[in-house]
C-alpha atoms as a PDB file:
ATOM      1  CA  MET A   1     126.859  40.623 -50.027  1.00  0.00           C
ATOM      2  CA  ARG A   2     128.414  37.607 -48.287  1.00  0.00           C
ATOM      3  CA  THR A   3     128.953  39.501 -45.061  1.00  0.00           C
ATOM      4  CA  ASP A   4     130.215  36.399 -43.206  1.00  0.00           C
ATOM      5  CA  LEU A   5     132.858  35.864 -45.795  1.00  0.00           C
ATOM      6  CA  LYS A   6     134.143  39.447 -45.392  1.00  0.00           C
ATOM      7  CA  VAL A   7     134.059  39.113 -41.596  1.00  0.00           C
ATOM      8  CA  LEU A   8     136.135  35.873 -41.851  1.00  0.00           C
ATOM      9  CA  ARG A   9     138.610  37.673 -44.111  1.00  0.00           C
ATOM     10  CA  VAL A  10     138.901  40.801 -41.903  1.00  0.00           C
ATOM     11  CA  LYS A  11     139.088  38.753 -38.719  1.00  0.00           C
ATOM     12  CA  ASN A  12     142.109  37.002 -40.169  1.00  0.00           C
ATOM     13  CA  LYS A  13     143.677  40.376 -41.094  1.00  0.00           C
ATOM     14  CA  LEU A  14     143.729  39.638 -44.859  1.00  0.00           C
ATOM     15  CA  THR A  15     143.114  41.969 -47.679  1.00  0.00           C
ATOM     16  CA  GLN A  16     141.012  40.818 -50.634  1.00  0.00           C
ATOM     17  CA  GLN A  17     144.237  40.576 -52.651  1.00  0.00           C
ATOM     18  CA  GLN A  18     145.981  38.454 -50.008  1.00  0.00           C
ATOM     19  CA  LEU A  19     143.084  36.033 -49.732  1.00  0.00           C
ATOM     20  CA  ALA A  20     142.609  35.840 -53.491  1.00  0.00           C
ATOM     21  CA  ASP A  21     146.270  34.901 -53.837  1.00  0.00           C
ATOM     22  CA  LYS A  22     145.918  32.168 -51.209  1.00  0.00           C
ATOM     23  CA  LEU A  23     142.888  30.796 -53.025  1.00  0.00           C
ATOM     24  CA  GLY A  24     144.340  31.043 -56.482  1.00  0.00           C
ATOM     25  CA  VAL A  25     141.840  33.484 -57.914  1.00  0.00           C
ATOM     26  CA  SER A  26     142.112  36.998 -59.102  1.00  0.00           C
ATOM     27  CA  VAL A  27     141.194  39.806 -56.781  1.00  0.00           C
ATOM     28  CA  VAL A  28     138.321  40.767 -59.071  1.00  0.00           C
ATOM     29  CA  THR A  29     136.895  37.205 -58.960  1.00  0.00           C
ATOM     30  CA  TYR A  30     137.287  37.164 -55.189  1.00  0.00           C
ATOM     31  CA  ASN A  31     135.599  40.590 -54.846  1.00  0.00           C
ATOM     32  CA  LEU A  32     132.624  39.339 -56.933  1.00  0.00           C
ATOM     33  CA  ILE A  33     132.273  36.274 -54.797  1.00  0.00           C
ATOM     34  CA  GLU A  34     132.394  38.328 -51.491  1.00  0.00           C
ATOM     35  CA  GLN A  35     129.803  40.707 -52.923  1.00  0.00           C
ATOM     36  CA  GLY A  36     127.577  37.775 -53.825  1.00  0.00           C
ATOM     37  CA  LYS A  37     127.669  38.470 -57.578  1.00  0.00           C
ATOM     38  CA  ARG A  38     129.423  35.212 -58.404  1.00  0.00           C
ATOM     39  CA  GLN A  39     129.083  31.807 -56.773  1.00  0.00           C
ATOM     40  CA  GLY A  40     132.657  30.628 -56.873  1.00  0.00           C
ATOM     41  CA  SER A  41     133.833  27.213 -58.047  1.00  0.00           C
ATOM     42  CA  LYS A  42     133.977  24.064 -55.988  1.00  0.00           C
ATOM     43  CA  ASP A  43     137.730  24.447 -55.893  1.00  0.00           C
ATOM     44  CA  PHE A  44     137.460  27.967 -54.481  1.00  0.00           C
ATOM     45  CA  TRP A  45     135.165  26.765 -51.618  1.00  0.00           C
ATOM     46  CA  PHE A  46     137.306  23.742 -50.945  1.00  0.00           C
ATOM     47  CA  LYS A  47     140.474  25.798 -50.670  1.00  0.00           C
ATOM     48  CA  LEU A  48     138.675  28.325 -48.428  1.00  0.00           C
ATOM     49  CA  GLN A  49     137.545  25.430 -46.158  1.00  0.00           C
ATOM     50  CA  GLN A  50     141.076  24.018 -45.990  1.00  0.00           C
ATOM     51  CA  LEU A  51     142.632  27.394 -45.399  1.00  0.00           C
ATOM     52  CA  PHE A  52     140.450  28.316 -42.388  1.00  0.00           C
ATOM     53  CA  LYS A  53     139.777  24.772 -41.221  1.00  0.00           C
ATOM     54  CA  LEU A  54     136.033  25.252 -41.545  1.00  0.00           C
ATOM     55  CA  ALA A  55     133.532  22.594 -40.675  1.00  0.00           C
ATOM     56  CA  ASP A  56     131.036  21.699 -43.428  1.00  0.00           C
ATOM     57  CA  GLY A  57     128.281  23.650 -41.716  1.00  0.00           C
ATOM     58  CA  GLU A  58     130.365  26.830 -41.392  1.00  0.00           C
ATOM     59  CA  LEU A  59     131.326  26.638 -45.038  1.00  0.00           C
ATOM     60  CA  TRP A  60     127.701  26.142 -46.073  1.00  0.00           C
ATOM     61  CA  GLN A  61     126.747  29.318 -44.142  1.00  0.00           C
ATOM     62  CA  LEU A  62     129.398  31.277 -45.991  1.00  0.00           C
ATOM     63  CA  TYR A  63     128.238  29.902 -49.306  1.00  0.00           C
ATOM     64  CA  ILE A  64     124.474  30.684 -48.869  1.00  0.00           C
ATOM     65  CA  ASN A  65     124.787  33.903 -46.964  1.00  0.00           C
ATOM     66  CA  ASN A  66     124.114  36.348 -49.792  1.00  0.00           C
END
C-alpha cells in the first residue's frame, strides 16, 4: 500500500472519488494505485504533483512507497 499517498489524500480531506476526479482517472484505478497494485501513468503522477505542488523528491517518495 502506498501509505504516504493515502495520508496526502486524507490530509487534504479528499475521498478517493474526489481525488480520482481531479486526476482524471476512475476511482477503481485510483484505488489500485493507492493500494500499490498499479503503478499509474506518467500523466497521473504529473497531475498529482501539480495538484499538490509537490517537489520532485516528494513525488518520488509517493511513487516508490509501496
